[in-house]
Amino acid sequence: MSQECHTTPLRYVIKFITYPRTMSIDYFHQTQLINFLQKDLGISWDSITVALRQQEKSLGSLPMILWQLGLISLNQLDSTFTWLELN
C-alpha cells in the first residue's frame, strides 16, 4: 500500500522563506496580486476572501494560505510566485 505525503515541496518553502515581499506586501501590490489571481488563474473572489480573512489571523502570505486551504494547486502556487518575482 502506498502512503501519500502531503508536505510542502521544498522549492515552495525556499521561495516563501527567501521572498519576504510575499509576507509584507503593500496595498498596491496586494491589489495587483488579487487581480492576477482572479484574471489569470481564475480564482474566485469567494476563495480570495476566505484566504484574506485567514491572512489577517495568521499574517501569512496570501498565495501560501490559498494553497494551504486547498484553494489553489501547486502549479497555480508556482505561477503566483513567478508572477510575484517579476512584479
Protein backbone atom coordinates (compact mmCIF):
# COMPACT_ATOMS: atom_id res chain seq x y z
CA MET A 1 0.00 0.00 0.00
CA SER A 2 1.44 3.39 -0.93
CA GLN A 3 1.23 6.24 1.51
CA GLU A 4 0.76 9.78 0.19
CA CYS A 5 2.80 12.55 1.69
CA HIS A 6 1.08 15.94 1.95
CA THR A 7 4.04 18.09 2.85
CA THR A 8 5.01 21.33 1.19
CA PRO A 9 7.59 20.75 -1.55
CA LEU A 10 10.97 22.19 -0.60
CA ARG A 11 11.11 24.58 -3.56
CA TYR A 12 7.96 26.35 -2.33
CA VAL A 13 9.29 26.57 1.21
CA ILE A 14 12.52 28.09 -0.10
CA LYS A 15 10.62 30.60 -2.25
CA PHE A 16 8.44 31.51 0.73
CA ILE A 17 11.41 31.98 3.05
CA THR A 18 13.66 33.81 0.59
CA TYR A 19 10.99 36.09 -0.84
CA PRO A 20 9.89 38.35 2.03
CA ARG A 21 7.76 40.63 -0.19
CA THR A 22 5.09 37.93 -0.18
CA MET A 23 4.78 38.28 3.58
CA SER A 24 4.61 42.08 3.82
CA ILE A 25 3.04 43.24 0.61
CA ASP A 26 1.69 46.78 0.30
CA TYR A 27 -1.86 47.63 -0.72
CA PHE A 28 -1.00 48.39 -4.37
CA HIS A 29 0.84 45.10 -4.88
CA GLN A 30 -1.84 43.18 -2.96
CA THR A 31 -4.45 44.60 -5.34
CA GLN A 32 -2.33 43.63 -8.35
CA LEU A 33 -1.85 40.14 -6.90
CA ILE A 34 -5.60 39.71 -6.39
CA ASN A 35 -6.24 40.84 -9.98
CA PHE A 36 -3.69 38.30 -11.21
CA LEU A 37 -5.27 35.53 -9.12
CA GLN A 38 -8.73 36.31 -10.47
CA LYS A 39 -7.98 37.11 -14.11
CA ASP A 40 -5.03 34.87 -14.92
CA LEU A 41 -5.61 31.92 -12.61
CA GLY A 42 -9.41 32.05 -12.39
CA ILE A 43 -9.52 32.06 -8.58
CA SER A 44 -12.95 33.07 -7.31
CA TRP A 45 -13.50 36.16 -5.19
CA ASP A 46 -15.01 33.91 -2.51
CA SER A 47 -11.78 31.89 -2.28
CA ILE A 48 -9.68 35.04 -2.11
CA THR A 49 -11.93 36.47 0.62
CA VAL A 50 -11.58 33.32 2.73
CA ALA A 51 -7.79 33.48 2.35
CA LEU A 52 -7.66 37.20 3.17
CA ARG A 53 -9.59 36.58 6.40
CA GLN A 54 -7.16 33.80 7.30
CA GLN A 55 -4.23 36.04 6.39
CA GLU A 56 -5.37 38.63 8.95
CA LYS A 57 -5.27 35.96 11.67
CA SER A 58 -2.03 34.25 10.72
CA LEU A 59 -0.04 37.02 8.99
CA GLY A 60 0.99 34.50 6.31
CA SER A 61 1.36 35.18 2.62
CA LEU A 62 -1.82 35.12 0.54
CA PRO A 63 -0.51 32.57 -2.00
CA MET A 64 0.60 30.14 0.71
CA ILE A 65 -2.70 30.48 2.56
CA LEU A 66 -4.66 29.83 -0.63
CA TRP A 67 -2.59 26.69 -1.19
CA GLN A 68 -2.80 25.53 2.44
CA LEU A 69 -6.59 25.85 2.31
CA GLY A 70 -6.67 23.83 -0.91
CA LEU A 71 -7.95 26.77 -2.94
CA ILE A 72 -5.10 26.72 -5.48
CA SER A 73 -2.98 23.91 -6.89
CA LEU A 74 0.80 23.61 -6.70
CA ASN A 75 1.01 24.74 -10.32
CA GLN A 76 -1.03 27.83 -9.50
CA LEU A 77 1.15 28.47 -6.45
CA ASP A 78 4.25 28.24 -8.63
CA SER A 79 2.71 30.62 -11.19
CA THR A 80 1.90 33.04 -8.39
CA PHE A 81 5.45 33.01 -7.01
CA THR A 82 6.79 33.53 -10.52
CA TRP A 83 4.41 36.46 -11.00
CA LEU A 84 5.49 37.96 -7.64
CA GLU A 85 9.16 37.68 -8.59
CA LEU A 86 8.51 39.53 -11.84
CA ASN A 87 6.33 42.25 -10.37
